[in-house]
């Protein structure tokens, strides 16, 4: 299936609603655009936030775990 969509002056293109619905895409979702031998390939994707733990954040986790384990016998 071919579709023609417009790209505005800032480079934004709008996917037709039926395709967004078919592929489960909503307003803030992201897609992957990849070059292929036939041109550009647009694919739905999932992104997940990551947190890089500082030494302070690791200490916070450890302290929280110790509090939660108080009163339990280990071993």
Protein backbone atom coordinates (compact mmCIF):
# COMPACT_ATOMS: atom_id res chain seq x y z
CA UNK A 1 0.00 0.00 0.00
CA UNK A 2 1.38 3.40 -0.93
CA UNK A 3 0.46 6.67 0.70
CA UNK A 4 1.54 10.19 -0.07
CA UNK A 5 1.94 12.46 2.94
CA UNK A 6 3.17 16.03 3.15
CA UNK A 7 6.17 17.20 5.13
CA UNK A 8 5.81 20.68 6.59
CA UNK A 9 8.53 23.34 6.68
CA UNK A 10 9.89 22.08 10.01
CA UNK A 11 10.21 18.51 8.67
CA UNK A 12 7.16 17.06 10.43
CA UNK A 13 5.06 14.51 8.60
CA UNK A 14 1.64 13.26 9.67
CA UNK A 15 0.80 9.59 9.37
CA UNK A 16 -2.78 8.94 8.25
CA UNK A 17 -5.14 8.11 11.11
CA UNK A 18 -6.02 4.63 9.82
CA UNK A 19 -2.32 3.67 9.83
CA UNK A 20 -1.78 5.12 13.33
CA UNK A 21 -4.75 3.09 14.54
CA UNK A 22 -3.66 -0.08 12.74
CA UNK A 23 -0.17 0.06 14.28
CA UNK A 24 -1.26 1.32 17.70
CA UNK A 25 0.50 4.69 17.43
CA UNK A 26 -0.62 7.62 19.54
CA UNK A 27 0.35 11.28 19.82
CA UNK A 28 3.59 11.07 21.81
CA UNK A 29 4.78 7.73 20.38
CA UNK A 30 7.99 7.40 18.39
CA UNK A 31 8.87 5.59 15.20
CA UNK A 32 12.14 4.42 13.72
CA UNK A 33 13.06 5.76 10.28
CA UNK A 34 15.64 3.64 8.55
CA UNK A 35 17.28 3.93 5.17
CA UNK A 36 16.88 0.87 2.97
CA UNK A 37 17.74 0.02 -0.61
CA UNK A 38 14.17 0.98 -1.56
CA UNK A 39 14.11 4.32 0.31
CA UNK A 40 12.96 5.15 3.82
CA UNK A 41 11.36 2.53 6.06
CA UNK A 42 9.19 3.78 8.94
CA UNK A 43 8.56 1.30 11.75
CA UNK A 44 6.69 1.52 15.05
CA UNK A 45 8.97 1.09 18.04
CA UNK A 46 8.96 1.06 21.82
CA UNK A 47 11.22 3.18 23.97
CA UNK A 48 11.92 2.80 27.65
CA UNK A 49 13.36 5.39 30.00
CA UNK A 50 16.59 4.43 31.73
CA UNK A 51 18.22 5.71 34.87
CA UNK A 52 21.95 5.58 35.39
CA UNK A 53 22.44 5.01 39.10
CA UNK A 54 24.79 7.35 40.89
CA UNK A 55 26.59 6.13 44.02
CA UNK A 56 24.08 8.13 46.08
CA UNK A 57 21.12 6.43 44.35
CA UNK A 58 22.63 2.97 44.96
CA UNK A 59 23.09 3.87 48.65
CA UNK A 60 19.43 4.98 48.74
CA UNK A 61 18.33 1.60 47.33
CA UNK A 62 20.47 -0.29 49.82
CA UNK A 63 19.12 1.69 52.77
CA UNK A 64 15.56 1.18 51.58
CA UNK A 65 16.14 -2.58 51.21
CA UNK A 66 17.64 -2.81 54.70
CA UNK A 67 14.59 -1.05 56.19
CA UNK A 68 12.18 -3.33 54.32
CA UNK A 69 14.05 -6.46 55.49
CA UNK A 70 14.07 -5.49 59.18
CA UNK A 71 12.32 -8.17 61.21
CA UNK A 72 12.83 -10.90 58.63
CA UNK A 73 15.17 -13.77 59.29
CA UNK A 74 17.43 -14.55 56.40
CA UNK A 75 19.16 -17.83 55.98
